[in-house]
Protein backbone atom coordinates (compact mmCIF):
# COMPACT_ATOMS: atom_id res chain seq x y z
CA MET A 1 3.04 0.29 24.91
CA THR A 2 0.96 -2.51 23.42
CA ALA A 3 2.35 -3.85 20.14
CA LEU A 4 0.20 -3.34 17.07
CA PRO A 5 -1.28 -6.45 15.40
CA VAL A 6 0.71 -7.65 12.39
CA VAL A 7 -2.61 -8.05 10.56
CA ARG A 8 -5.51 -5.71 11.25
CA ILE A 9 -8.65 -5.75 9.14
CA GLU A 10 -11.61 -3.50 9.85
CA ALA A 11 -15.05 -3.73 8.20
CA VAL A 12 -13.66 -5.07 4.92
CA ASN A 13 -16.01 -5.75 2.05
CA LYS A 14 -15.17 -7.19 -1.35
CA VAL A 15 -17.58 -6.98 -4.26
CA TYR A 16 -16.95 -8.52 -7.67
CA HIS A 17 -18.96 -7.14 -10.55
CA ALA A 18 -19.89 -9.96 -12.90
CA GLY A 19 -21.74 -7.58 -15.22
CA THR A 20 -24.30 -4.85 -14.70
CA PRO A 21 -26.34 -5.06 -12.54
CA SER A 22 -25.01 -8.38 -11.20
CA GLU A 23 -22.47 -8.39 -8.38
CA VAL A 24 -20.99 -10.95 -6.02
CA LYS A 25 -20.39 -9.95 -2.40
CA ALA A 26 -17.41 -12.12 -1.51
CA LEU A 27 -16.67 -10.46 1.87
CA ARG A 28 -19.16 -8.72 4.15
CA ASP A 29 -17.89 -6.41 6.93
CA VAL A 30 -15.00 -8.68 7.92
CA SER A 31 -12.87 -7.56 10.88
CA LEU A 32 -10.04 -9.39 12.63
CA ALA A 33 -6.70 -8.76 14.28
CA ILE A 34 -3.76 -11.15 14.43
CA ASP A 35 -0.87 -10.51 16.78
CA ALA A 36 2.78 -11.31 16.14
CA GLY A 37 3.61 -14.96 16.86
CA GLU A 38 0.04 -16.26 16.67
CA PHE A 39 -1.04 -19.37 14.76
CA VAL A 40 -4.47 -18.62 13.30
CA ALA A 41 -6.62 -20.75 11.00
CA ILE A 42 -9.34 -19.40 8.72
CA MET A 43 -11.71 -22.23 7.92
CA GLY A 44 -14.64 -22.50 5.56
CA PRO A 45 -16.08 -24.45 2.64
CA SER A 46 -15.53 -23.60 -1.00
CA GLY A 47 -17.21 -20.30 -1.84
CA SER A 48 -17.24 -19.04 1.75
CA GLY A 49 -14.88 -16.14 1.04
CA LYS A 50 -11.77 -17.51 2.72
CA THR A 51 -9.69 -17.37 -0.47
CA THR A 52 -10.76 -13.77 -1.09
CA LEU A 53 -9.77 -12.90 2.47
CA MET A 54 -6.43 -14.67 1.98
CA ASN A 55 -5.78 -12.63 -1.17
CA ILE A 56 -6.44 -9.40 0.72
CA ILE A 57 -4.23 -10.44 3.66
CA GLY A 58 -1.52 -11.36 1.16
CA CYS A 59 -1.81 -7.99 -0.62
CA LEU A 60 -2.77 -9.82 -3.81
CA ASP A 61 -6.11 -8.00 -3.93
CA THR A 62 -7.62 -4.88 -2.39
CA PRO A 63 -10.90 -4.37 -0.51
CA SER A 64 -13.90 -2.66 -2.09
CA ALA A 65 -14.45 -0.99 1.29
CA GLY A 66 -12.88 -1.10 4.74
CA SER A 67 -9.29 -0.94 5.94
CA TYR A 68 -6.30 -3.28 6.10
CA TRP A 69 -3.01 -2.71 7.90
CA CYS A 70 -0.15 -5.17 7.37
CA GLY A 71 2.84 -4.77 9.65
CA GLY A 72 1.48 -1.38 10.69
CA VAL A 73 1.25 -0.13 7.09
CA ASP A 74 -2.09 1.06 5.70
CA VAL A 75 -2.21 -0.97 2.50
CA ALA A 76 -4.66 1.48 0.92
CA THR A 77 -1.84 4.05 0.75
CA LEU A 78 0.27 1.81 -1.50
CA ASP A 79 0.26 1.44 -5.27
CA ALA A 80 0.85 -1.92 -6.98
CA ALA A 81 4.63 -1.63 -6.65
CA GLY A 82 4.32 -0.70 -2.99
CA ARG A 83 2.08 -3.70 -2.31
CA ALA A 84 4.56 -5.99 -4.08
CA ALA A 85 7.39 -4.62 -1.94
CA LEU A 86 5.30 -5.11 1.21
CA ARG A 87 4.54 -8.72 0.21
CA LEU A 88 8.22 -9.42 -0.35
CA ARG A 89 9.15 -7.97 3.01
CA GLN A 90 6.28 -9.14 5.22
CA ILE A 91 4.73 -12.33 3.84
CA GLY A 92 5.93 -15.79 2.85
CA PHE A 93 3.41 -17.79 0.80
CA VAL A 94 2.87 -21.56 0.92
CA PHE A 95 0.37 -23.15 -1.47
CA GLN A 96 -1.25 -26.54 -1.85
CA GLY A 97 0.36 -27.12 -5.25
CA PHE A 98 3.98 -26.36 -4.19
CA HIS A 99 4.62 -24.28 -7.38
CA LEU A 100 8.23 -25.42 -7.75
CA LEU A 101 10.12 -25.04 -11.03
CA PRO A 102 10.54 -28.63 -12.28
CA ARG A 103 13.91 -28.13 -13.99
CA GLN A 104 15.49 -26.40 -11.01
CA ASN A 105 16.85 -28.18 -7.95
CA ALA A 106 15.64 -27.45 -4.45
CA LEU A 107 18.39 -24.93 -3.78
CA ASP A 108 17.62 -22.90 -6.89
CA ASN A 109 13.87 -23.01 -6.21
CA VAL A 110 14.43 -21.59 -2.74
CA THR A 111 16.61 -18.74 -4.04
CA LEU A 112 13.92 -17.34 -6.39
CA PRO A 113 12.54 -14.61 -4.05
CA LEU A 114 16.10 -13.40 -3.47
CA ILE A 115 16.62 -12.94 -7.19
CA TYR A 116 13.64 -10.56 -7.24
CA ALA A 117 15.10 -8.81 -4.19
CA GLY A 118 18.42 -8.26 -6.00
CA VAL A 119 20.53 -10.31 -3.57
CA PRO A 120 23.94 -11.41 -4.98
CA ARG A 121 24.21 -15.08 -5.97
CA ALA A 122 26.69 -16.11 -3.26
CA GLN A 123 24.43 -14.70 -0.56
CA ARG A 124 21.37 -16.28 -2.20
CA LEU A 125 22.92 -19.73 -2.08
CA GLU A 126 24.11 -19.33 1.50
CA ARG A 127 20.68 -18.23 2.71
CA ALA A 128 18.90 -20.93 0.68
CA ARG A 129 21.07 -23.65 2.22
CA ALA A 130 20.23 -22.31 5.70
CA ALA A 131 16.51 -22.26 4.85
CA LEU A 132 16.60 -25.86 3.59
CA ASP A 133 18.42 -26.87 6.76
CA GLN A 134 15.70 -25.12 8.77
CA VAL A 135 13.05 -27.40 7.23
CA GLY A 136 15.20 -30.56 7.46
CA LEU A 137 16.18 -30.84 3.80
CA ALA A 138 19.85 -29.84 3.75
CA ASP A 139 20.72 -33.21 2.22
CA ARG A 140 18.24 -32.74 -0.68
CA ALA A 141 19.48 -29.35 -1.87
CA LEU A 142 20.55 -30.59 -5.32
CA HIS A 143 17.47 -32.76 -5.97
CA ARG A 144 14.84 -31.67 -8.49
CA PRO A 145 11.13 -31.75 -7.50
CA SER A 146 10.59 -35.02 -9.41
CA GLU A 147 13.19 -36.62 -7.13
CA LEU A 148 11.41 -35.52 -3.97
CA SER A 149 8.31 -36.81 -2.19
CA GLY A 150 5.24 -34.60 -1.85
CA GLY A 151 6.14 -33.77 1.74
CA GLN A 152 9.70 -32.89 0.75
CA GLN A 153 8.43 -30.66 -2.07
CA GLN A 154 6.23 -28.82 0.41
CA ARG A 155 9.21 -28.37 2.71
CA VAL A 156 11.12 -26.81 -0.18
CA ALA A 157 8.15 -24.48 -0.74
CA ILE A 158 8.18 -23.55 2.96
CA ALA A 159 11.93 -22.89 2.81
CA ARG A 160 11.28 -20.61 -0.17
CA ALA A 161 8.59 -18.80 1.83
CA LEU A 162 11.06 -18.26 4.68
CA ILE A 163 14.02 -17.07 2.59
CA ASN A 164 13.33 -13.35 3.12
CA ALA A 165 12.68 -13.92 6.85
CA PRO A 166 9.08 -12.65 6.64
CA PRO A 167 7.23 -12.18 9.94
CA ILE A 168 4.07 -13.73 8.40
CA VAL A 169 3.69 -17.14 6.76
CA LEU A 170 0.42 -17.38 4.82
CA ALA A 171 -0.42 -20.98 3.95
CA ASP A 172 -3.29 -21.92 1.61
CA GLU A 173 -4.39 -25.56 2.07
CA PRO A 174 -0.74 -26.59 2.61
CA THR A 175 -1.60 -30.23 3.40
CA GLY A 176 -4.28 -30.67 0.72
CA ALA A 177 -2.02 -32.62 -1.66
CA LEU A 178 -0.43 -34.76 1.07
CA ASP A 179 -1.34 -37.96 2.88
CA SER A 180 -2.41 -37.60 6.50
CA ARG A 181 0.94 -38.62 8.06
CA THR A 182 2.94 -36.24 5.87
CA GLY A 183 0.36 -33.53 6.49
CA GLU A 184 0.90 -33.89 10.23
CA GLU A 185 4.64 -33.46 9.70
CA ILE A 186 4.06 -30.23 7.77
CA LEU A 187 1.70 -28.92 10.46
CA ALA A 188 4.31 -29.76 13.09
CA LEU A 189 6.79 -27.71 11.06
CA PHE A 190 4.42 -24.72 11.14
CA THR A 191 4.17 -25.09 14.92
CA ALA A 192 7.97 -25.07 15.11
CA LEU A 193 8.09 -21.94 12.96
CA GLN A 194 5.59 -20.29 15.29
CA ALA A 195 7.90 -21.12 18.22
CA GLN A 196 10.67 -19.31 16.33
CA GLY A 197 8.52 -16.17 16.22
CA HIS A 198 6.69 -16.39 12.90
CA THR A 199 3.01 -15.53 12.62
CA ILE A 200 1.21 -18.41 10.88
CA ILE A 201 -2.06 -17.83 9.00
CA LEU A 202 -3.52 -21.07 7.70
CA ILE A 203 -6.38 -21.24 5.18
CA THR A 204 -8.19 -24.57 5.15
CA HIS A 205 -11.52 -26.33 4.70
CA ASP A 206 -10.46 -29.19 7.01
CA PRO A 207 -11.42 -28.92 10.72
CA GLU A 208 -8.70 -31.39 11.75
CA VAL A 209 -6.05 -29.22 10.09
CA ALA A 210 -7.54 -26.02 11.55
CA HIS A 211 -7.37 -27.36 15.09
CA HIS A 212 -3.58 -27.24 15.04
CA ALA A 213 -3.93 -23.47 15.35
CA ASP A 214 -4.35 -21.38 18.50
CA ARG A 215 -7.44 -19.65 17.12
CA ILE A 216 -9.89 -20.64 14.40
CA TYR A 217 -12.08 -18.25 12.43
CA VAL A 218 -15.01 -19.77 10.54
CA MET A 219 -16.25 -18.13 7.35
CA ARG A 220 -19.67 -18.59 5.79
CA ASP A 221 -21.15 -16.60 2.92
CA GLY A 222 -18.45 -13.97 3.13
CA GLU A 223 -18.89 -13.34 6.85
CA LEU A 224 -16.61 -14.18 9.76
CA HIS A 225 -19.24 -15.86 11.90
CA GLU A 226 -17.44 -17.15 14.94
CA GLU A 227 -14.14 -17.72 16.59
CA LEU A 228 -13.23 -21.11 18.01
CA VAL A 229 -10.33 -22.11 20.23
CA GLY A 230 -7.84 -24.46 18.59
CA SER A 231 -6.69 -27.67 20.25
CA LYS A 232 -3.31 -26.23 21.27
CA ALA A 233 -4.90 -23.35 23.14
CA GLN A 234 -7.48 -25.70 24.65
CA ALA A 235 -4.72 -28.03 25.85
CA ARG A 236 -2.90 -25.13 27.49
CA LYS A 237 -6.12 -24.05 29.17
CA GLU A 238 -6.71 -27.56 30.52
CA ARG A 239 -3.16 -27.74 31.91
CA THR A 240 -3.68 -24.53 33.83
């Protein structure tokens, strides 16, 4: 039996009503499927609809029309609490701005999702240390964000995204606040996470960043116009 996609979107539209009769069509009949273990980039300029699509994939927003299944669950059947539970279980978020608590050290920042999940403190700390080790920051566990470089802060944010062992990592412009060398290190980390079995969905406006993925979707004016092959997939094709 063929495994179901971890993300399946069919004919999704999103309309924002800015006041009668004005409306903004942010997504127009968008369909895509992402299989477990894929590294997919969704690329487009500001205003193209990629952030709206990310919010729907992340169960932070709902479509005006169309269907979305996440991990085999029809998201339309869930209320707000059900969507929050699905997010916690299925998706780890990584953002451009890190969103770390400045007064908390790296270890405590990473444990935050486990607090919401009701995990006892001893288990939280054990799992957070393992997550920091996974991203190469075991020796920075007691450092606050101000004592870490930008790349190290993003690694803490990635460790936090991984703490509940979600199958999907959804990253919104994760290298946007980093220099090019540090950005490459973060992208290499995503590739390593893919090799461990995670599904990586990367939102970006930067073609160089997008080409680290296996597949690239390009958005314009709310539509998914084309699919390109990322450099990794192209390299594999050339080797064969």
